[in-house]
Amino acid sequence: SSLRLSDSVSSIPLAESSPASGSPATVSGWGAVGYHQQLSRSLLE
């Protein structure tokens, strides 16, 4: 079923080209906060 888009649910466009070396970027998720540590309960970036 389709998502209801809003301020908290939005699509992101795909990159047209690979960013150059040194370009700033962000990555987000709920993964572990360190090697062999627990998953995060809240979203991290």
All heavy atoms as atom14 arrays in JSON, in Angstrom:
{
  "sequence": "SSLRLSDSVSSIPLAESSPASGSPATVSGWGAVGYHQQLSRSLLE",
  "atom14_mask": [
    [1, 1, 1, 1, 1, 1, 0, 0, 0, 0, 0, 0, 0, 0],
    [1, 1, 1, 1, 1, 1, 0, 0, 0, 0, 0, 0, 0, 0],
    [1, 1, 1, 1, 1, 1, 1, 1, 0, 0, 0, 0, 0, 0],
    [1, 1, 1, 1, 1, 1, 1, 1, 1, 1, 1, 0, 0, 0],
    [1, 1, 1, 1, 1, 1, 1, 1, 0, 0, 0, 0, 0, 0],
    [1, 1, 1, 1, 1, 1, 0, 0, 0, 0, 0, 0, 0, 0],
    [1, 1, 1, 1, 1, 1, 1, 1, 0, 0, 0, 0, 0, 0],
    [1, 1, 1, 1, 1, 1, 0, 0, 0, 0, 0, 0, 0, 0],
    [1, 1, 1, 1, 1, 1, 1, 0, 0, 0, 0, 0, 0, 0],
    [1, 1, 1, 1, 1, 1, 0, 0, 0, 0, 0, 0, 0, 0],
    [1, 1, 1, 1, 1, 1, 0, 0, 0, 0, 0, 0, 0, 0],
    [1, 1, 1, 1, 1, 1, 1, 1, 0, 0, 0, 0, 0, 0],
    [1, 1, 1, 1, 1, 1, 1, 0, 0, 0, 0, 0, 0, 0],
    [1, 1, 1, 1, 1, 1, 1, 1, 0, 0, 0, 0, 0, 0],
    [1, 1, 1, 1, 1, 0, 0, 0, 0, 0, 0, 0, 0, 0],
    [1, 1, 1, 1, 1, 1, 1, 1, 1, 0, 0, 0, 0, 0],
    [1, 1, 1, 1, 1, 1, 0, 0, 0, 0, 0, 0, 0, 0],
    [1, 1, 1, 1, 1, 1, 0, 0, 0, 0, 0, 0, 0, 0],
    [1, 1, 1, 1, 1, 1, 1, 0, 0, 0, 0, 0, 0, 0],
    [1, 1, 1, 1, 1, 0, 0, 0, 0, 0, 0, 0, 0, 0],
    [1, 1, 1, 1, 1, 1, 0, 0, 0, 0, 0, 0, 0, 0],
    [1, 1, 1, 1, 0, 0, 0, 0, 0, 0, 0, 0, 0, 0],
    [1, 1, 1, 1, 1, 1, 0, 0, 0, 0, 0, 0, 0, 0],
    [1, 1, 1, 1, 1, 1, 1, 0, 0, 0, 0, 0, 0, 0],
    [1, 1, 1, 1, 1, 0, 0, 0, 0, 0, 0, 0, 0, 0],
    [1, 1, 1, 1, 1, 1, 1, 0, 0, 0, 0, 0, 0, 0],
    [1, 1, 1, 1, 1, 1, 1, 0, 0, 0, 0, 0, 0, 0],
    [1, 1, 1, 1, 1, 1, 0, 0, 0, 0, 0, 0, 0, 0],
    [1, 1, 1, 1, 0, 0, 0, 0, 0, 0, 0, 0, 0, 0],
    [1, 1, 1, 1, 1, 1, 1, 1, 1, 1, 1, 1, 1, 1],
    [1, 1, 1, 1, 0, 0, 0, 0, 0, 0, 0, 0, 0, 0],
    [1, 1, 1, 1, 1, 0, 0, 0, 0, 0, 0, 0, 0, 0],
    [1, 1, 1, 1, 1, 1, 1, 0, 0, 0, 0, 0, 0, 0],
    [1, 1, 1, 1, 0, 0, 0, 0, 0, 0, 0, 0, 0, 0],
    [1, 1, 1, 1, 1, 1, 1, 1, 1, 1, 1, 1, 0, 0],
    [1, 1, 1, 1, 1, 1, 1, 1, 1, 1, 0, 0, 0, 0],
    [1, 1, 1, 1, 1, 1, 1, 1, 1, 0, 0, 0, 0, 0],
    [1, 1, 1, 1, 1, 1, 1, 1, 1, 0, 0, 0, 0, 0],
    [1, 1, 1, 1, 1, 1, 1, 1, 0, 0, 0, 0, 0, 0],
    [1, 1, 1, 1, 1, 1, 0, 0, 0, 0, 0, 0, 0, 0],
    [1, 1, 1, 1, 1, 1, 1, 1, 1, 1, 1, 0, 0, 0],
    [1, 1, 1, 1, 1, 1, 0, 0, 0, 0, 0, 0, 0, 0],
    [1, 1, 1, 1, 1, 1, 1, 1, 0, 0, 0, 0, 0, 0],
    [1, 1, 1, 1, 1, 1, 1, 1, 0, 0, 0, 0, 0, 0],
    [1, 1, 1, 1, 1, 1, 1, 1, 1, 0, 0, 0, 0, 0]
  ],
  "atom14_positions": [
    [[0.85, -1.2, 0.0], [0.0, 0.0, 0.0], [0.88, 1.24, 0.0], [2.04, 1.2, 0.43], [-0.94, 0.01, 1.21], [-0.2, -0.1, 2.41], [0.0, 0.0, 0.0], [0.0, 0.0, 0.0], [0.0, 0.0, 0.0], [0.0, 0.0, 0.0], [0.0, 0.0, 0.0], [0.0, 0.0, 0.0], [0.0, 0.0, 0.0], [0.0, 0.0, 0.0]],
    [[0.33, 2.34, -0.49], [1.11, 3.57, -0.62], [1.31, 4.25, 0.73], [0.43, 4.25, 1.59], [0.39, 4.54, -1.56], [0.33, 4.01, -2.87], [0.0, 0.0, 0.0], [0.0, 0.0, 0.0], [0.0, 0.0, 0.0], [0.0, 0.0, 0.0], [0.0, 0.0, 0.0], [0.0, 0.0, 0.0], [0.0, 0.0, 0.0], [0.0, 0.0, 0.0]],
    [[2.48, 4.85, 0.89], [2.77, 5.63, 2.07], [2.04, 6.97, 2.0], [1.83, 7.53, 0.92], [4.27, 5.89, 2.17], [5.18, 4.66, 2.21], [6.64, 5.08, 2.15], [4.91, 3.82, 3.45], [0.0, 0.0, 0.0], [0.0, 0.0, 0.0], [0.0, 0.0, 0.0], [0.0, 0.0, 0.0], [0.0, 0.0, 0.0], [0.0, 0.0, 0.0]],
    [[1.66, 7.48, 3.15], [1.1, 8.83, 3.24], [2.25, 9.8, 3.45], [2.85, 9.85, 4.52], [0.1, 8.92, 4.39], [-1.08, 7.94, 4.25], [-2.11, 8.15, 5.36], [-1.54, 8.0, 6.7], [-1.36, 6.84, 7.31], [-1.69, 5.7, 6.71], [-0.85, 6.81, 8.54], [0.0, 0.0, 0.0], [0.0, 0.0, 0.0], [0.0, 0.0, 0.0]],
    [[2.59, 10.55, 2.41], [3.73, 11.45, 2.47], [3.42, 12.66, 3.35], [2.29, 13.15, 3.39], [4.12, 11.88, 1.07], [4.49, 10.74, 0.1], [4.93, 11.29, -1.24], [5.58, 9.84, 0.69], [0.0, 0.0, 0.0], [0.0, 0.0, 0.0], [0.0, 0.0, 0.0], [0.0, 0.0, 0.0], [0.0, 0.0, 0.0], [0.0, 0.0, 0.0]],
    [[4.44, 13.13, 4.06], [4.27, 14.24, 5.0], [5.65, 14.81, 5.32], [6.65, 14.44, 4.7], [3.6, 13.74, 6.29], [4.46, 12.84, 6.97], [0.0, 0.0, 0.0], [0.0, 0.0, 0.0], [0.0, 0.0, 0.0], [0.0, 0.0, 0.0], [0.0, 0.0, 0.0], [0.0, 0.0, 0.0], [0.0, 0.0, 0.0], [0.0, 0.0, 0.0]],
    [[5.72, 15.7, 6.32], [7.01, 16.24, 6.73], [7.93, 15.17, 7.29], [9.16, 15.32, 7.28], [6.81, 17.33, 7.8], [6.19, 18.59, 7.24], [6.21, 18.76, 5.99], [5.68, 19.41, 8.03], [0.0, 0.0, 0.0], [0.0, 0.0, 0.0], [0.0, 0.0, 0.0], [0.0, 0.0, 0.0], [0.0, 0.0, 0.0], [0.0, 0.0, 0.0]],
    [[7.36, 14.07, 7.79], [8.16, 13.0, 8.39], [8.28, 11.77, 7.49], [8.95, 10.8, 7.85], [7.58, 12.6, 9.75], [6.25, 12.15, 9.61], [0.0, 0.0, 0.0], [0.0, 0.0, 0.0], [0.0, 0.0, 0.0], [0.0, 0.0, 0.0], [0.0, 0.0, 0.0], [0.0, 0.0, 0.0], [0.0, 0.0, 0.0], [0.0, 0.0, 0.0]],
    [[7.61, 11.8, 6.34], [7.67, 10.7, 5.37], [7.82, 11.31, 3.98], [6.87, 11.86, 3.43], [6.41, 9.82, 5.41], [6.52, 8.68, 4.4], [6.17, 9.27, 6.81], [0.0, 0.0, 0.0], [0.0, 0.0, 0.0], [0.0, 0.0, 0.0], [0.0, 0.0, 0.0], [0.0, 0.0, 0.0], [0.0, 0.0, 0.0], [0.0, 0.0, 0.0]],
    [[9.02, 11.22, 3.45], [9.28, 11.89, 2.17], [10.3, 11.1, 1.36], [11.18, 10.44, 1.92], [9.81, 13.31, 2.43], [10.09, 13.98, 1.23], [0.0, 0.0, 0.0], [0.0, 0.0, 0.0], [0.0, 0.0, 0.0], [0.0, 0.0, 0.0], [0.0, 0.0, 0.0], [0.0, 0.0, 0.0], [0.0, 0.0, 0.0], [0.0, 0.0, 0.0]],
    [[10.19, 11.18, 0.06], [11.15, 10.52, -0.82], [12.42, 11.36, -0.93], [12.43, 12.55, -0.58], [10.54, 10.32, -2.21], [10.21, 11.58, -2.78], [0.0, 0.0, 0.0], [0.0, 0.0, 0.0], [0.0, 0.0, 0.0], [0.0, 0.0, 0.0], [0.0, 0.0, 0.0], [0.0, 0.0, 0.0], [0.0, 0.0, 0.0], [0.0, 0.0, 0.0]],
    [[13.48, 10.74, -1.42], [14.73, 11.46, -1.66], [15.17, 11.16, -3.09], [15.11, 10.0, -3.54], [15.81, 11.07, -0.64], [17.08, 11.9, -0.86], [16.11, 9.57, -0.67], [18.09, 11.78, 0.26], [0.0, 0.0, 0.0], [0.0, 0.0, 0.0], [0.0, 0.0, 0.0], [0.0, 0.0, 0.0], [0.0, 0.0, 0.0], [0.0, 0.0, 0.0]],
    [[15.61, 12.17, -3.83], [16.05, 11.93, -5.21], [17.36, 11.16, -5.27], [18.2, 11.26, -4.36], [16.21, 13.34, -5.79], [16.41, 14.22, -4.61], [15.65, 13.6, -3.48], [0.0, 0.0, 0.0], [0.0, 0.0, 0.0], [0.0, 0.0, 0.0], [0.0, 0.0, 0.0], [0.0, 0.0, 0.0], [0.0, 0.0, 0.0], [0.0, 0.0, 0.0]],
    [[17.53, 10.4, -6.33], [18.77, 9.64, -6.54], [19.85, 10.55, -7.1], [19.58, 11.45, -7.89], [18.52, 8.49, -7.52], [17.38, 7.53, -7.19], [17.31, 6.43, -8.25], [17.53, 6.94, -5.8], [0.0, 0.0, 0.0], [0.0, 0.0, 0.0], [0.0, 0.0, 0.0], [0.0, 0.0, 0.0], [0.0, 0.0, 0.0], [0.0, 0.0, 0.0]],
    [[21.08, 10.31, -6.69], [22.21, 11.08, -7.19], [22.39, 10.86, -8.68], [22.23, 9.74, -9.18], [23.48, 10.69, -6.45], [0.0, 0.0, 0.0], [0.0, 0.0, 0.0], [0.0, 0.0, 0.0], [0.0, 0.0, 0.0], [0.0, 0.0, 0.0], [0.0, 0.0, 0.0], [0.0, 0.0, 0.0], [0.0, 0.0, 0.0], [0.0, 0.0, 0.0]],
    [[22.72, 11.92, -9.39], [23.0, 11.83, -10.82], [24.44, 11.4, -11.07], [24.75, 10.79, -12.08], [22.74, 13.18, -11.49], [21.3, 13.65, -11.42], [20.38, 12.81, -12.29], [20.89, 12.14, -13.21], [19.17, 12.81, -12.04], [0.0, 0.0, 0.0], [0.0, 0.0, 0.0], [0.0, 0.0, 0.0], [0.0, 0.0, 0.0], [0.0, 0.0, 0.0]],
    [[25.33, 11.76, -10.14], [26.75, 11.41, -10.27], [27.32, 11.15, -8.89], [26.78, 11.63, -7.87], [27.52, 12.54, -10.96], [27.41, 13.74, -10.23], [0.0, 0.0, 0.0], [0.0, 0.0, 0.0], [0.0, 0.0, 0.0], [0.0, 0.0, 0.0], [0.0, 0.0, 0.0], [0.0, 0.0, 0.0], [0.0, 0.0, 0.0], [0.0, 0.0, 0.0]],
    [[28.39, 10.41, -8.83], [29.03, 10.09, -7.56], [29.7, 11.34, -7.0], [30.36, 12.07, -7.74], [30.07, 8.98, -7.74], [29.49, 7.85, -8.35], [0.0, 0.0, 0.0], [0.0, 0.0, 0.0], [0.0, 0.0, 0.0], [0.0, 0.0, 0.0], [0.0, 0.0, 0.0], [0.0, 0.0, 0.0], [0.0, 0.0, 0.0], [0.0, 0.0, 0.0]],
    [[29.55, 11.62, -5.71], [30.19, 12.81, -5.14], [31.71, 12.7, -5.15], [32.26, 11.6, -5.09], [29.64, 12.85, -3.71], [29.22, 11.46, -3.41], [28.78, 10.87, -4.72], [0.0, 0.0, 0.0], [0.0, 0.0, 0.0], [0.0, 0.0, 0.0], [0.0, 0.0, 0.0], [0.0, 0.0, 0.0], [0.0, 0.0, 0.0], [0.0, 0.0, 0.0]],
    [[32.36, 13.84, -5.23], [33.82, 13.87, -5.27], [34.4, 13.49, -3.92], [33.76, 13.65, -2.86], [34.29, 15.26, -5.68], [0.0, 0.0, 0.0], [0.0, 0.0, 0.0], [0.0, 0.0, 0.0], [0.0, 0.0, 0.0], [0.0, 0.0, 0.0], [0.0, 0.0, 0.0], [0.0, 0.0, 0.0], [0.0, 0.0, 0.0], [0.0, 0.0, 0.0]],
    [[35.63, 13.02, -3.93], [36.34, 12.72, -2.7], [36.39, 13.97, -1.82], [36.63, 15.08, -2.29], [37.77, 12.27, -3.04], [38.53, 12.09, -1.87], [0.0, 0.0, 0.0], [0.0, 0.0, 0.0], [0.0, 0.0, 0.0], [0.0, 0.0, 0.0], [0.0, 0.0, 0.0], [0.0, 0.0, 0.0], [0.0, 0.0, 0.0], [0.0, 0.0, 0.0]],
    [[36.1, 13.79, -0.54], [36.09, 14.9, 0.39], [34.74, 15.55, 0.59], [34.56, 16.37, 1.49], [0.0, 0.0, 0.0], [0.0, 0.0, 0.0], [0.0, 0.0, 0.0], [0.0, 0.0, 0.0], [0.0, 0.0, 0.0], [0.0, 0.0, 0.0], [0.0, 0.0, 0.0], [0.0, 0.0, 0.0], [0.0, 0.0, 0.0], [0.0, 0.0, 0.0]],
    [[33.77, 15.2, -0.26], [32.43, 15.77, -0.13], [31.79, 15.35, 1.2], [31.91, 14.19, 1.61], [31.53, 15.31, -1.27], [32.02, 15.76, -2.52], [0.0, 0.0, 0.0], [0.0, 0.0, 0.0], [0.0, 0.0, 0.0], [0.0, 0.0, 0.0], [0.0, 0.0, 0.0], [0.0, 0.0, 0.0], [0.0, 0.0, 0.0], [0.0, 0.0, 0.0]],
    [[31.1, 16.27, 1.89], [30.44, 15.9, 3.14], [29.19, 15.08, 2.86], [28.51, 15.26, 1.85], [30.08, 17.25, 3.76], [29.96, 18.18, 2.59], [30.96, 17.7, 1.57], [0.0, 0.0, 0.0], [0.0, 0.0, 0.0], [0.0, 0.0, 0.0], [0.0, 0.0, 0.0], [0.0, 0.0, 0.0], [0.0, 0.0, 0.0], [0.0, 0.0, 0.0]],
    [[28.88, 14.17, 3.76], [27.71, 13.31, 3.63], [27.21, 12.94, 5.02], [27.92, 13.12, 6.02], [28.04, 12.05, 2.83], [0.0, 0.0, 0.0], [0.0, 0.0, 0.0], [0.0, 0.0, 0.0], [0.0, 0.0, 0.0], [0.0, 0.0, 0.0], [0.0, 0.0, 0.0], [0.0, 0.0, 0.0], [0.0, 0.0, 0.0], [0.0, 0.0, 0.0]],
    [[26.0, 12.44, 5.09], [25.45, 11.94, 6.36], [24.89, 10.56, 6.14], [24.38, 10.23, 5.06], [24.34, 12.86, 6.9], [23.29, 12.96, 5.95], [24.88, 14.25, 7.22], [0.0, 0.0, 0.0], [0.0, 0.0, 0.0], [0.0, 0.0, 0.0], [0.0, 0.0, 0.0], [0.0, 0.0, 0.0], [0.0, 0.0, 0.0], [0.0, 0.0, 0.0]],
    [[24.95, 9.74, 7.18], [24.36, 8.4, 7.15], [23.55, 8.24, 8.44], [23.94, 8.74, 9.49], [25.44, 7.31, 7.0], [26.45, 7.35, 8.12], [24.8, 5.93, 6.9], [0.0, 0.0, 0.0], [0.0, 0.0, 0.0], [0.0, 0.0, 0.0], [0.0, 0.0, 0.0], [0.0, 0.0, 0.0], [0.0, 0.0, 0.0], [0.0, 0.0, 0.0]],
    [[22.42, 7.58, 8.33], [21.52, 7.46, 9.48], [21.01, 6.03, 9.63], [21.01, 5.25, 8.67], [20.34, 8.43, 9.34], [19.71, 8.3, 8.07], [0.0, 0.0, 0.0], [0.0, 0.0, 0.0], [0.0, 0.0, 0.0], [0.0, 0.0, 0.0], [0.0, 0.0, 0.0], [0.0, 0.0, 0.0], [0.0, 0.0, 0.0], [0.0, 0.0, 0.0]],
    [[20.56, 5.71, 10.84], [20.01, 4.39, 11.08], [19.89, 4.07, 12.55], [20.15, 4.91, 13.41], [0.0, 0.0, 0.0], [0.0, 0.0, 0.0], [0.0, 0.0, 0.0], [0.0, 0.0, 0.0], [0.0, 0.0, 0.0], [0.0, 0.0, 0.0], [0.0, 0.0, 0.0], [0.0, 0.0, 0.0], [0.0, 0.0, 0.0], [0.0, 0.0, 0.0]],
    [[19.49, 2.84, 12.83], [19.27, 2.36, 14.2], [20.28, 1.29, 14.59], [20.03, 0.5, 15.49], [17.86, 1.8, 14.32], [16.77, 2.81, 14.2], [16.25, 3.58, 15.21], [16.04, 3.16, 13.03], [15.24, 4.39, 14.73], [15.09, 4.15, 13.39], [16.09, 2.75, 11.68], [14.21, 4.73, 12.48], [15.22, 3.32, 10.77], [14.28, 4.3, 11.16]],
    [[21.4, 1.26, 13.94], [22.37, 0.21, 14.2], [23.1, 0.38, 15.51], [22.85, 1.31, 16.29], [0.0, 0.0, 0.0], [0.0, 0.0, 0.0], [0.0, 0.0, 0.0], [0.0, 0.0, 0.0], [0.0, 0.0, 0.0], [0.0, 0.0, 0.0], [0.0, 0.0, 0.0], [0.0, 0.0, 0.0], [0.0, 0.0, 0.0], [0.0, 0.0, 0.0]],
    [[24.04, -0.54, 15.76], [24.8, -0.53, 17.01], [25.66, 0.72, 17.11], [26.08, 1.28, 16.11], [25.68, -1.78, 17.08], [0.0, 0.0, 0.0], [0.0, 0.0, 0.0], [0.0, 0.0, 0.0], [0.0, 0.0, 0.0], [0.0, 0.0, 0.0], [0.0, 0.0, 0.0], [0.0, 0.0, 0.0], [0.0, 0.0, 0.0], [0.0, 0.0, 0.0]],
    [[25.91, 1.16, 18.34], [26.69, 2.38, 18.57], [28.18, 2.08, 18.67], [28.98, 2.98, 18.92], [26.21, 3.12, 19.83], [24.77, 3.59, 19.63], [26.31, 2.22, 21.07], [0.0, 0.0, 0.0], [0.0, 0.0, 0.0], [0.0, 0.0, 0.0], [0.0, 0.0, 0.0], [0.0, 0.0, 0.0], [0.0, 0.0, 0.0], [0.0, 0.0, 0.0]],
    [[28.56, 0.82, 18.45], [29.95, 0.42, 18.45], [30.04, -1.06, 18.14], [29.06, -1.79, 18.2], [0.0, 0.0, 0.0], [0.0, 0.0, 0.0], [0.0, 0.0, 0.0], [0.0, 0.0, 0.0], [0.0, 0.0, 0.0], [0.0, 0.0, 0.0], [0.0, 0.0, 0.0], [0.0, 0.0, 0.0], [0.0, 0.0, 0.0], [0.0, 0.0, 0.0]],
    [[31.23, -1.49, 17.79], [31.44, -2.89, 17.43], [31.05, -3.8, 18.59], [31.49, -3.63, 19.72], [32.91, -3.08, 17.07], [33.24, -4.44, 16.51], [32.47, -5.01, 15.49], [34.35, -5.14, 16.98], [32.79, -6.25, 14.97], [34.67, -6.39, 16.46], [33.88, -6.93, 15.46], [34.2, -8.17, 14.94], [0.0, 0.0, 0.0], [0.0, 0.0, 0.0]],
    [[30.15, -4.78, 18.32], [29.65, -5.73, 19.31], [28.85, -5.04, 20.42], [28.73, -5.57, 21.52], [30.79, -6.54, 19.93], [31.27, -7.65, 19.05], [30.43, -8.39, 18.23], [32.52, -8.14, 18.85], [31.15, -9.29, 17.58], [32.42, -9.16, 17.93], [0.0, 0.0, 0.0], [0.0, 0.0, 0.0], [0.0, 0.0, 0.0], [0.0, 0.0, 0.0]],
    [[28.31, -3.84, 20.15], [27.47, -3.16, 21.13], [26.0, -3.24, 20.72], [25.66, -3.75, 19.66], [27.93, -1.71, 21.3], [29.33, -1.6, 21.89], [29.68, -0.18, 22.26], [28.84, 0.61, 22.67], [30.97, 0.15, 22.12], [0.0, 0.0, 0.0], [0.0, 0.0, 0.0], [0.0, 0.0, 0.0], [0.0, 0.0, 0.0], [0.0, 0.0, 0.0]],
    [[25.13, -2.71, 21.56], [23.7, -2.79, 21.35], [23.23, -1.88, 20.23], [23.85, -0.87, 19.92], [22.95, -2.42, 22.63], [23.19, -3.37, 23.8], [22.63, -4.75, 23.53], [21.51, -4.89, 23.03], [23.41, -5.79, 23.84], [0.0, 0.0, 0.0], [0.0, 0.0, 0.0], [0.0, 0.0, 0.0], [0.0, 0.0, 0.0], [0.0, 0.0, 0.0]],
    [[22.09, -2.25, 19.61], [21.46, -1.37, 18.65], [20.92, -0.14, 19.36], [20.59, -0.17, 20.54], [20.3, -2.08, 17.94], [20.62, -3.37, 17.18], [19.36, -3.84, 16.46], [21.74, -3.15, 16.2], [0.0, 0.0, 0.0], [0.0, 0.0, 0.0], [0.0, 0.0, 0.0], [0.0, 0.0, 0.0], [0.0, 0.0, 0.0], [0.0, 0.0, 0.0]],
    [[20.82, 0.96, 18.62], [20.25, 2.18, 19.17], [18.73, 2.06, 19.2], [18.12, 1.54, 18.27], [20.66, 3.38, 18.32], [20.03, 4.56, 18.8], [0.0, 0.0, 0.0], [0.0, 0.0, 0.0], [0.0, 0.0, 0.0], [0.0, 0.0, 0.0], [0.0, 0.0, 0.0], [0.0, 0.0, 0.0], [0.0, 0.0, 0.0], [0.0, 0.0, 0.0]],
    [[18.1, 2.57, 20.25], [16.64, 2.55, 20.35], [16.01, 3.69, 19.55], [14.83, 3.62, 19.2], [16.21, 2.64, 21.81], [16.62, 1.41, 22.63], [16.07, 1.5, 24.04], [16.43, 0.31, 24.81], [16.05, 0.1, 26.06], [15.32, 1.02, 26.69], [16.41, -0.99, 26.68], [0.0, 0.0, 0.0], [0.0, 0.0, 0.0], [0.0, 0.0, 0.0]],
    [[16.79, 4.75, 19.32], [16.28, 5.89, 18.55], [17.17, 6.14, 17.34], [18.32, 5.69, 17.29], [16.21, 7.15, 19.43], [17.51, 7.5, 19.88], [0.0, 0.0, 0.0], [0.0, 0.0, 0.0], [0.0, 0.0, 0.0], [0.0, 0.0, 0.0], [0.0, 0.0, 0.0], [0.0, 0.0, 0.0], [0.0, 0.0, 0.0], [0.0, 0.0, 0.0]],
    [[16.64, 6.86, 16.38], [17.34, 7.11, 15.13], [18.57, 7.97, 15.35], [18.52, 8.99, 16.04], [16.38, 7.8, 14.15], [16.9, 8.08, 12.75], [17.31, 6.79, 12.04], [15.83, 8.82, 11.94], [0.0, 0.0, 0.0], [0.0, 0.0, 0.0], [0.0, 0.0, 0.0], [0.0, 0.0, 0.0], [0.0, 0.0, 0.0], [0.0, 0.0, 0.0]],
    [[19.69, 7.55, 14.78], [20.95, 8.27, 14.88], [21.41, 8.71, 13.5], [21.11, 8.08, 12.49], [22.03, 7.4, 15.52], [21.78, 6.86, 16.92], [22.95, 5.98, 17.37], [21.57, 8.0, 17.91], [0.0, 0.0, 0.0], [0.0, 0.0, 0.0], [0.0, 0.0, 0.0], [0.0, 0.0, 0.0], [0.0, 0.0, 0.0], [0.0, 0.0, 0.0]],
    [[22.18, 9.79, 13.48], [22.77, 10.3, 12.24], [24.22, 10.67, 12.53], [24.56, 11.1, 13.63], [22.0, 11.52, 11.75], [22.54, 12.11, 10.45], [21.82, 13.39, 10.06], [21.85, 14.34, 10.88], [21.25, 13.46, 8.96], [0.0, 0.0, 0.0], [0.0, 0.0, 0.0], [0.0, 0.0, 0.0], [0.0, 0.0, 0.0], [0.0, 0.0, 0.0]]
  ]
}
